[in-house]
Protein backbone atom coordinates (compact mmCIF):
# COMPACT_ATOMS: atom_id res chain seq x y z
CA MET A 1 -54.40 20.35 35.78
CA SER A 2 -50.78 19.00 35.27
CA LEU A 3 -48.59 20.30 32.43
CA LEU A 4 -49.39 17.61 29.95
CA ALA A 5 -53.51 18.49 30.31
CA ASP A 6 -52.58 22.08 30.49
CA TYR A 7 -50.62 22.07 27.32
CA LYS A 8 -53.04 20.04 25.35
CA ALA A 9 -55.43 22.43 26.07
CA HIS A 10 -53.16 25.18 24.84
CA THR A 11 -53.09 23.31 21.77
CA ALA A 12 -56.43 22.53 21.19
CA GLU A 13 -57.31 26.56 21.38
CA ARG A 14 -54.58 27.65 19.45
CA ALA A 15 -55.86 24.87 16.78
CA GLU A 16 -58.96 26.92 16.64
CA LEU A 17 -57.11 30.01 15.33
CA GLY A 18 -55.15 27.87 12.89
CA VAL A 19 -51.78 27.95 14.51
CA PRO A 20 -49.90 25.32 16.43
CA PRO A 21 -48.84 25.97 20.15
CA LEU A 22 -46.66 28.58 21.54
CA VAL A 23 -43.45 27.41 22.93
CA LEU A 24 -42.84 25.83 26.04
CA THR A 25 -41.58 27.98 28.86
CA ALA A 26 -38.45 27.52 30.84
CA GLU A 27 -40.39 26.48 33.61
CA GLN A 28 -42.50 23.93 31.51
CA VAL A 29 -39.64 22.62 30.20
CA ALA A 30 -38.45 21.99 34.14
CA GLU A 31 -41.30 20.17 34.36
CA LEU A 32 -41.19 18.29 31.42
CA VAL A 33 -37.51 16.89 32.55
CA GLU A 34 -39.00 15.80 35.77
CA ILE A 35 -41.84 13.67 33.33
CA LEU A 36 -38.76 12.60 31.67
CA LYS A 37 -36.66 11.39 34.76
CA THR A 38 -39.75 9.35 35.52
CA SER A 39 -40.41 5.34 34.73
CA PRO A 40 -42.22 4.88 33.08
CA ILE A 41 -42.93 8.41 31.55
CA GLU A 42 -46.28 9.31 31.61
CA ASP A 43 -47.71 9.95 28.00
CA ALA A 44 -44.13 9.07 26.51
CA ASP A 45 -44.69 9.51 22.63
CA TYR A 46 -46.23 13.61 23.37
CA VAL A 47 -43.54 13.84 25.88
CA MET A 48 -40.90 13.24 23.87
CA ASP A 49 -42.39 14.97 20.69
CA ILE A 50 -42.70 18.33 22.39
CA PHE A 51 -39.43 17.83 24.12
CA GLN A 52 -37.73 17.58 20.65
CA ASN A 53 -40.13 19.96 18.58
CA ASN A 54 -41.79 22.43 20.78
CA ILE A 55 -38.86 23.97 22.69
CA PRO A 56 -37.09 27.17 21.06
CA ALA A 57 -33.03 26.60 20.10
CA GLY A 58 -30.09 28.65 20.60
CA VAL A 59 -29.78 31.06 23.89
CA ASP A 60 -33.65 31.25 25.16
CA ASP A 61 -34.02 30.27 28.65
CA ALA A 62 -36.13 27.45 27.98
CA ALA A 63 -33.06 25.96 26.00
CA TYR A 64 -30.93 26.26 28.70
CA VAL A 65 -32.99 23.51 30.56
CA LYS A 66 -33.02 21.28 27.74
CA ALA A 67 -29.33 21.40 27.19
CA ALA A 68 -28.65 21.06 30.72
CA PHE A 69 -30.76 18.08 31.01
CA LEU A 70 -29.44 16.05 27.93
CA ASN A 71 -25.91 16.93 28.98
CA ASP A 72 -26.66 15.41 32.21
CA ILE A 73 -27.60 12.28 30.32
CA VAL A 74 -24.37 12.09 27.86
CA GLN A 75 -22.47 12.81 31.72
CA GLY A 76 -24.46 9.87 33.30
CA ASN A 77 -25.66 11.55 35.70
CA ALA A 78 -29.24 11.41 34.76
CA THR A 79 -31.35 8.88 33.23
CA CYS A 80 -34.34 8.52 31.04
CA ASP A 81 -35.78 5.31 29.67
CA ARG A 82 -36.27 7.24 25.94
CA ILE A 83 -32.97 9.20 26.31
CA ASP A 84 -29.62 7.35 25.82
CA ALA A 85 -26.14 9.31 25.80
CA VAL A 86 -26.35 8.78 21.86
CA LYS A 87 -29.58 10.27 21.48
CA ALA A 88 -28.96 12.80 23.59
CA CYS A 89 -25.95 14.35 21.42
CA GLU A 90 -28.44 13.83 18.59
CA ILE A 91 -31.35 16.21 20.32
CA LEU A 92 -28.74 18.23 21.28
CA GLY A 93 -27.86 18.62 17.67
CA THR A 94 -30.75 19.82 16.41
CA MET A 95 -30.35 23.06 18.73
CA LEU A 96 -28.18 25.04 15.84
CA GLY A 97 -25.93 26.58 18.75
CA GLY A 98 -25.89 28.18 22.00
CA PHE A 99 -26.42 26.23 25.11
CA ASN A 100 -26.21 22.81 23.24
CA VAL A 101 -22.58 23.91 21.98
CA GLN A 102 -20.87 22.91 25.43
CA PRO A 103 -22.35 20.34 26.03
CA LEU A 104 -21.15 18.70 22.87
CA ILE A 105 -17.77 19.62 23.30
CA GLU A 106 -17.76 17.64 26.37
CA ALA A 107 -18.81 14.75 24.74
CA LEU A 108 -16.17 14.31 22.63
CA LYS A 109 -14.06 13.58 25.42
CA ILE A 110 -16.35 10.42 26.13
CA GLU A 111 -14.81 7.41 23.68
CA GLY A 112 -16.87 5.66 21.34
CA GLU A 113 -20.57 6.20 19.81
CA VAL A 114 -21.09 9.04 21.75
CA ALA A 115 -17.56 11.05 20.61
CA ASP A 116 -18.69 10.17 17.12
CA THR A 117 -22.41 11.21 17.45
CA ALA A 118 -21.15 14.66 18.95
CA ALA A 119 -18.60 15.13 16.36
CA GLU A 120 -21.27 14.56 13.41
CA GLN A 121 -23.47 17.36 15.22
CA LEU A 122 -21.16 19.73 15.72
CA LYS A 123 -19.88 19.51 12.19
CA ASN A 124 -23.21 20.93 11.20
CA THR A 125 -23.04 23.45 13.67
CA ILE A 126 -21.03 26.85 13.21
CA LEU A 127 -23.05 29.22 16.06
CA VAL A 128 -20.32 27.89 18.27
CA TYR A 129 -18.77 31.46 19.40
CA ASP A 130 -16.08 30.69 21.81
CA GLY A 131 -16.72 27.31 21.53
CA PHE A 132 -14.30 27.22 18.39
CA ASN A 133 -11.43 28.02 20.83
CA ASP A 134 -12.31 24.79 22.84
CA VAL A 135 -12.44 22.52 20.15
CA LYS A 136 -8.96 23.69 18.64
CA SER A 137 -7.49 23.42 21.84
CA MET A 138 -8.85 19.92 22.10
CA ALA A 139 -7.52 18.92 18.78
CA ASP A 140 -4.20 20.93 18.93
CA ALA A 141 -3.90 18.28 22.31
CA GLY A 142 -4.48 14.79 20.05
CA ASN A 143 -8.23 14.72 19.98
CA ALA A 144 -8.93 13.06 16.85
CA LYS A 145 -12.61 13.92 16.93
CA ALA A 146 -12.33 17.46 17.46
CA LYS A 147 -9.09 17.47 14.40
CA GLU A 148 -12.48 16.03 12.47
CA ILE A 149 -14.59 18.90 13.26
CA VAL A 150 -11.96 21.64 12.69
CA GLU A 151 -11.20 20.01 9.04
CA SER A 152 -14.84 20.09 8.54
CA TRP A 153 -15.70 23.47 9.64
CA ALA A 154 -12.41 24.82 7.20
CA ASN A 155 -14.45 22.65 3.74
CA ALA A 156 -17.59 24.17 5.04
CA GLU A 157 -19.08 20.57 4.94
CA TRP A 158 -22.16 22.26 7.09
CA PHE A 159 -23.37 23.57 4.04
CA THR A 160 -21.88 21.05 1.34
CA ASN A 161 -23.11 18.58 3.32
CA LYS A 162 -27.16 20.11 2.84
CA PRO A 163 -29.09 18.93 -0.30
CA ALA A 164 -28.93 20.53 -3.25
CA LEU A 165 -31.63 22.67 -4.87
CA ASP A 166 -33.53 20.42 -7.07
CA GLU A 167 -33.28 20.89 -10.75
CA GLU A 168 -36.65 21.81 -11.25
CA ILE A 169 -39.22 22.89 -8.87
CA THR A 170 -43.06 23.01 -9.83
CA VAL A 171 -45.32 25.60 -7.81
CA THR A 172 -48.51 27.20 -8.01
CA VAL A 173 -48.29 30.99 -8.72
CA TYR A 174 -50.19 32.94 -5.68
CA LYS A 175 -50.24 36.36 -7.53
CA ILE A 176 -50.68 39.77 -6.14
CA PRO A 177 -50.91 42.19 -9.11
CA GLY A 178 -49.27 45.23 -8.40
CA GLU A 179 -47.04 46.22 -5.45
CA THR A 180 -47.41 44.56 -2.36
CA ASN A 181 -44.93 46.57 0.50
CA THR A 182 -43.81 44.41 3.86
CA ASP A 183 -46.98 46.47 5.30
CA ASP A 184 -49.21 44.14 3.13
CA LEU A 185 -46.91 41.26 4.35
CA SER A 186 -46.55 41.93 8.14
CA PRO A 187 -49.59 44.72 9.15
CA ALA A 188 -48.26 47.15 11.14
CA SER A 189 -51.69 46.99 12.98
CA GLU A 190 -50.87 43.69 14.24
CA ALA A 191 -47.06 44.32 15.03
CA PHE A 192 -47.64 43.12 18.75
CA THR A 193 -48.04 39.43 17.35
CA ARG A 194 -44.91 39.60 15.14
CA ALA A 195 -42.52 37.56 17.95
CA ASP A 196 -45.45 34.81 17.46
CA ILE A 197 -44.61 33.93 13.96
CA PRO A 198 -47.70 31.79 12.84
CA LEU A 199 -50.16 33.97 14.35
CA HIS A 200 -48.91 37.17 13.08
CA ALA A 201 -48.56 35.39 9.72
CA ASN A 202 -53.18 35.00 9.80
CA SER A 203 -52.98 38.73 9.53
CA PHE A 204 -51.26 38.11 5.98
CA LEU A 205 -52.60 40.35 2.99
CA VAL A 206 -55.95 40.86 5.03
CA ASN A 207 -55.74 44.84 4.18
CA ARG A 208 -54.74 43.75 0.95
CA MET A 209 -57.52 41.31 -0.54
CA GLU A 210 -60.29 39.47 0.54
CA ASN A 211 -59.76 35.84 2.01
CA PRO A 212 -56.52 35.53 1.46
CA LEU A 213 -55.93 32.74 3.65
CA GLU A 214 -59.04 30.67 2.25
CA THR A 215 -57.63 31.30 -1.14
CA MET A 216 -53.95 29.94 -0.54
CA ASP A 217 -55.86 27.09 1.24
CA GLU A 218 -57.61 26.24 -2.33
CA LEU A 219 -54.52 27.06 -4.39
CA ARG A 220 -52.56 24.16 -2.36
CA LYS A 221 -55.20 21.28 -3.29
CA LYS A 222 -53.58 21.71 -6.59
CA GLY A 223 -50.53 19.71 -4.66
CA HIS A 224 -48.12 21.85 -5.32
CA PRO A 225 -46.02 24.59 -2.77
CA LEU A 226 -47.28 28.07 -3.31
CA ALA A 227 -44.95 30.47 -4.78
CA TYR A 228 -45.55 34.64 -3.72
CA VAL A 229 -45.50 36.47 -6.96
CA GLY A 230 -45.99 40.18 -7.31
CA ASP A 231 -44.83 42.81 -9.78
CA VAL A 232 -43.57 44.63 -7.09
CA VAL A 233 -42.95 42.66 -3.81
CA GLY A 234 -41.03 43.64 -0.38
CA THR A 235 -40.85 47.82 -0.34
CA GLY A 236 -41.10 49.02 3.03
CA SER A 237 -39.27 48.39 6.25
CA SER A 238 -40.92 45.62 8.12
CA ARG A 239 -38.61 42.92 5.77
CA LYS A 240 -38.01 40.25 8.16
CA SER A 241 -41.57 40.22 9.73
CA GLY A 242 -42.52 40.37 6.25
CA ILE A 243 -40.85 36.80 4.94
CA ASN A 244 -41.69 35.24 8.38
CA SER A 245 -45.07 35.49 6.86
CA VAL A 246 -44.48 34.49 3.41
CA GLN A 247 -42.22 31.46 4.64
CA TRP A 248 -45.34 30.56 7.48
CA HIS A 249 -47.68 30.42 4.48
CA MET A 250 -45.42 29.24 1.34
CA GLY A 251 -41.98 27.55 3.44
CA ARG A 252 -41.39 24.42 5.37
CA ASP A 253 -41.33 23.17 8.89
CA ILE A 254 -37.62 23.53 10.59
CA PRO A 255 -36.99 19.97 12.62
CA GLY A 256 -36.46 20.67 16.22
CA ILE A 257 -37.14 24.30 15.94
CA PRO A 258 -40.88 25.55 16.83
CA GLY A 259 -43.00 28.27 15.05
CA LYS A 260 -40.82 29.15 12.18
CA ARG A 261 -40.26 27.92 8.96
CA THR A 262 -37.92 28.04 5.71
CA GLY A 263 -37.85 27.68 2.14
CA GLY A 264 -40.17 29.42 -0.11
CA VAL A 265 -40.13 31.19 -3.59
CA VAL A 266 -40.85 34.38 -4.36
CA ILE A 267 -40.57 35.83 -7.17
CA GLY A 268 -41.30 39.59 -8.62
CA GLY A 269 -40.53 41.92 -11.50
CA ILE A 270 -38.74 43.97 -8.95
CA ILE A 271 -37.97 42.75 -5.40
CA ALA A 272 -37.02 45.18 -3.07
CA PRO A 273 -33.08 44.58 -2.59
CA ILE A 274 -33.04 44.25 1.31
CA PHE A 275 -35.97 42.60 1.35
CA PHE A 276 -34.45 40.00 -1.78
CA ASN A 277 -31.36 39.72 0.67
CA THR A 278 -33.41 39.17 3.83
CA ALA A 279 -35.40 36.30 1.70
CA GLU A 280 -32.26 34.60 0.89
CA ASP A 281 -30.85 34.77 4.42
CA SER A 282 -34.02 33.63 5.80
CA GLY A 283 -33.86 30.30 3.30
CA CYS A 284 -36.23 31.96 0.87
CA LEU A 285 -35.60 31.49 -2.87
CA PRO A 286 -36.04 34.92 -4.09
CA ILE A 287 -36.18 35.53 -8.29
CA GLN A 288 -36.29 38.49 -10.21
CA ALA A 289 -37.94 38.21 -13.07
CA PRO A 290 -38.84 41.39 -15.11
């Protein structure tokens, strides 16, 4: 079977478990890149969707292959019917940091819309590591776009440009009486699946109550996002995997970042301090309401 047929079959298998497909590996991305180089592109809409949304970001090997291909497009060393240099910079900007940084910095040297787009993406990227020195050197040498980026970082526009928190949030309460510890949210018996956040989230609260996933499905029919509510929430050591499961069921997708979610609301009479901090760091809104 071809890559596309294999991945569609895999997607169908995972759908039976109620979870999205696994992210593409570096080898699969390399095959996908070859498909994107053809003209016309086979199953173009599907190929673009998985290229943009089913490849991990950061410094994963698959992200390296993705970033290298996009860099080749920006630099004129590769062509794609559906991705020009500007679009390539936009996609690079969704990759958070890591292998996307240097291609965006190099794009600043290309005058016009490409440099403009690369600059806007870098303004909202802070995981640049040594890339900061490259941008600062370019700014000192007179590159106007690099100077804009440094000033934007200094003014924390990557944060201030984010949507403001809504004045009012309407949620449906998903109340678990008493204390829920992180082993309820992320059972140790299923620890081997923790790296696969959607699959691991299927074990959410299964040791604590009957039919937790079905209960959440019923509550969602009210039309509001769910809020996790408990008397005592988040004691225990599996804090990150616990909040991952809460967010998978009660958060929202992150564009371009597969298998992970952000957002969500956790309310507790008492919230364990480190769980509280982990929730905040993950983009969740924890509220202690004694």
